[in-house]
Amino acid sequence: MINENEKRICKGKGCKKELPVGYKYEKCESCRNKFLESGINIVKTCGAAVVGVVGLFFIIKK
C-alpha cells in the first residue's frame, strides 16, 4: 500500500516531478502521455506498412 505521507517522484526517464498525494500511478501525466503517444505512432506506422503491402499485392495480381 502507498504511504500517503511520503513524497513520491515520477519514475519516468529524466523526470524529477513530484507526484501529488494520493496519485495512483508511478509516472506523471506527461510521462504517461509520451509513452502512449510513442505506442500509437508505432501502430500507425505498422498499419500503413500493412496497407501498402496489401495494395501492392492487389496491383501486382491484376
N, C-alpha and C. Protein backbone atom coordinates (compact mmCIF):
# COMPACT_ATOMS: atom_id res chain seq x y z
N MET A 1 0.85 -1.18 0.00
CA MET A 1 0.00 0.00 0.00
C MET A 1 0.89 1.24 0.00
N ILE A 2 0.44 2.30 -0.63
CA ILE A 2 1.20 3.53 -0.77
C ILE A 2 1.12 4.34 0.53
N ASN A 3 2.29 4.76 1.01
CA ASN A 3 2.33 5.61 2.19
C ASN A 3 1.96 7.03 1.78
N GLU A 4 0.89 7.57 2.36
CA GLU A 4 0.37 8.89 1.97
C GLU A 4 1.29 10.03 2.41
N ASN A 5 2.10 9.83 3.44
CA ASN A 5 2.94 10.90 3.97
C ASN A 5 4.27 11.03 3.25
N GLU A 6 4.62 10.05 2.45
CA GLU A 6 5.91 10.01 1.77
C GLU A 6 5.85 10.79 0.46
N LYS A 7 6.88 11.60 0.18
CA LYS A 7 6.96 12.30 -1.11
C LYS A 7 7.34 11.29 -2.18
N ARG A 8 6.62 11.37 -3.29
CA ARG A 8 6.89 10.44 -4.39
C ARG A 8 7.35 11.23 -5.60
N ILE A 9 8.33 10.66 -6.31
CA ILE A 9 8.91 11.27 -7.51
C ILE A 9 8.55 10.40 -8.71
N CYS A 10 8.32 11.04 -9.85
CA CYS A 10 7.99 10.34 -11.08
C CYS A 10 9.11 9.37 -11.46
N LYS A 11 8.73 8.19 -11.95
CA LYS A 11 9.70 7.16 -12.34
C LYS A 11 10.09 7.25 -13.82
N GLY A 12 9.63 8.28 -14.54
CA GLY A 12 9.96 8.43 -15.96
C GLY A 12 11.42 8.79 -16.15
N LYS A 13 11.95 8.50 -17.35
CA LYS A 13 13.35 8.79 -17.66
C LYS A 13 13.62 10.28 -17.59
N GLY A 14 14.51 10.69 -16.73
CA GLY A 14 14.92 12.08 -16.64
C GLY A 14 13.89 13.01 -16.03
N CYS A 15 12.79 12.49 -15.55
CA CYS A 15 11.73 13.32 -14.97
C CYS A 15 11.88 13.34 -13.46
N LYS A 16 11.84 14.51 -12.89
CA LYS A 16 12.01 14.65 -11.44
C LYS A 16 10.79 15.32 -10.80
N LYS A 17 9.63 15.24 -11.46
CA LYS A 17 8.43 15.88 -10.93
C LYS A 17 7.94 15.15 -9.68
N GLU A 18 7.44 15.93 -8.74
CA GLU A 18 6.87 15.36 -7.53
C GLU A 18 5.41 15.01 -7.80
N LEU A 19 5.01 13.81 -7.42
CA LEU A 19 3.64 13.37 -7.65
C LEU A 19 2.76 13.82 -6.49
N PRO A 20 1.51 14.19 -6.77
CA PRO A 20 0.61 14.65 -5.71
C PRO A 20 0.22 13.52 -4.76
N VAL A 21 -0.23 13.90 -3.58
CA VAL A 21 -0.66 12.92 -2.58
C VAL A 21 -1.89 12.19 -3.12
N GLY A 22 -1.87 10.87 -3.00
CA GLY A 22 -3.00 10.06 -3.44
C GLY A 22 -2.98 9.71 -4.92
N TYR A 23 -1.95 10.13 -5.66
CA TYR A 23 -1.83 9.82 -7.08
C TYR A 23 -1.50 8.35 -7.22
N LYS A 24 -2.28 7.60 -8.02
CA LYS A 24 -2.15 6.14 -8.03
C LYS A 24 -1.13 5.57 -9.01
N TYR A 25 -0.55 6.41 -9.86
CA TYR A 25 0.41 5.93 -10.86
C TYR A 25 1.84 6.25 -10.43
N GLU A 26 2.81 5.52 -11.02
CA GLU A 26 4.22 5.76 -10.70
C GLU A 26 4.83 6.85 -11.56
N LYS A 27 4.19 7.18 -12.70
CA LYS A 27 4.68 8.21 -13.61
C LYS A 27 3.69 9.37 -13.65
N CYS A 28 4.21 10.57 -13.92
CA CYS A 28 3.35 11.74 -14.03
C CYS A 28 2.55 11.67 -15.33
N GLU A 29 1.54 12.52 -15.47
CA GLU A 29 0.70 12.52 -16.66
C GLU A 29 1.51 12.76 -17.94
N SER A 30 2.49 13.65 -17.86
CA SER A 30 3.30 13.96 -19.03
C SER A 30 4.06 12.72 -19.51
N CYS A 31 4.69 12.00 -18.60
CA CYS A 31 5.45 10.80 -18.97
C CYS A 31 4.52 9.70 -19.48
N ARG A 32 3.34 9.57 -18.88
CA ARG A 32 2.38 8.57 -19.33
C ARG A 32 1.90 8.89 -20.74
N ASN A 33 1.66 10.16 -21.04
CA ASN A 33 1.21 10.55 -22.38
C ASN A 33 2.29 10.33 -23.42
N LYS A 34 3.55 10.61 -23.07
CA LYS A 34 4.66 10.36 -24.00
C LYS A 34 4.74 8.88 -24.35
N PHE A 35 4.57 8.03 -23.36
CA PHE A 35 4.63 6.59 -23.57
C PHE A 35 3.50 6.14 -24.49
N LEU A 36 2.29 6.61 -24.25
CA LEU A 36 1.15 6.24 -25.09
C LEU A 36 1.31 6.77 -26.51
N GLU A 37 1.81 7.98 -26.64
CA GLU A 37 1.99 8.57 -27.97
C GLU A 37 3.00 7.77 -28.79
N SER A 38 4.06 7.29 -28.16
CA SER A 38 5.05 6.50 -28.89
C SER A 38 4.43 5.18 -29.35
N GLY A 39 3.59 4.58 -28.55
CA GLY A 39 2.92 3.34 -28.93
C GLY A 39 1.95 3.56 -30.07
N ILE A 40 1.23 4.67 -30.04
CA ILE A 40 0.27 4.98 -31.10
C ILE A 40 1.01 5.21 -32.41
N ASN A 41 2.16 5.88 -32.37
CA ASN A 41 2.94 6.12 -33.59
C ASN A 41 3.44 4.81 -34.20
N ILE A 42 3.84 3.87 -33.37
CA ILE A 42 4.30 2.56 -33.85
C ILE A 42 3.15 1.83 -34.54
N VAL A 43 1.96 1.87 -33.94
CA VAL A 43 0.80 1.19 -34.53
C VAL A 43 0.43 1.83 -35.86
N LYS A 44 0.48 3.17 -35.94
CA LYS A 44 0.17 3.85 -37.19
C LYS A 44 1.16 3.45 -38.29
N THR A 45 2.43 3.39 -37.96
CA THR A 45 3.47 3.04 -38.94
C THR A 45 3.28 1.61 -39.44
N CYS A 46 3.03 0.68 -38.53
CA CYS A 46 2.82 -0.71 -38.93
C CYS A 46 1.55 -0.85 -39.76
N GLY A 47 0.51 -0.12 -39.38
CA GLY A 47 -0.74 -0.16 -40.15
C GLY A 47 -0.54 0.35 -41.57
N ALA A 48 0.22 1.42 -41.72
CA ALA A 48 0.48 1.98 -43.05
C ALA A 48 1.30 0.98 -43.88
N ALA A 49 2.23 0.30 -43.27
CA ALA A 49 3.04 -0.68 -43.98
C ALA A 49 2.17 -1.84 -44.46
N VAL A 50 1.28 -2.31 -43.62
CA VAL A 50 0.39 -3.42 -44.00
C VAL A 50 -0.51 -3.00 -45.15
N VAL A 51 -1.09 -1.81 -45.08
CA VAL A 51 -1.95 -1.32 -46.16
C VAL A 51 -1.15 -1.21 -47.46
N GLY A 52 0.08 -0.75 -47.38
CA GLY A 52 0.92 -0.64 -48.57
C GLY A 52 1.22 -1.99 -49.19
N VAL A 53 1.53 -2.97 -48.38
CA VAL A 53 1.83 -4.31 -48.89
C VAL A 53 0.59 -4.93 -49.52
N VAL A 54 -0.55 -4.79 -48.86
CA VAL A 54 -1.79 -5.35 -49.41
C VAL A 54 -2.13 -4.64 -50.72
N GLY A 55 -1.95 -3.33 -50.78
CA GLY A 55 -2.20 -2.59 -52.01
C GLY A 55 -1.31 -3.05 -53.14
N LEU A 56 -0.04 -3.23 -52.87
CA LEU A 56 0.89 -3.72 -53.88
C LEU A 56 0.50 -5.13 -54.35
N PHE A 57 0.06 -5.95 -53.43
CA PHE A 57 -0.35 -7.30 -53.78
C PHE A 57 -1.49 -7.28 -54.80
N PHE A 58 -2.49 -6.41 -54.56
CA PHE A 58 -3.62 -6.35 -55.48
C PHE A 58 -3.25 -5.71 -56.81
N ILE A 59 -2.33 -4.76 -56.79
CA ILE A 59 -1.87 -4.15 -58.05
C ILE A 59 -1.12 -5.17 -58.90
N ILE A 60 -0.28 -5.95 -58.27
CA ILE A 60 0.51 -6.95 -58.98
C ILE A 60 -0.40 -8.08 -59.49
N LYS A 61 -1.43 -8.43 -58.73
CA LYS A 61 -2.34 -9.51 -59.09
C LYS A 61 -3.10 -9.22 -60.38
N LYS A 62 -3.37 -7.96 -60.69
CA LYS A 62 -4.15 -7.60 -61.89
C LYS A 62 -3.40 -7.97 -63.09
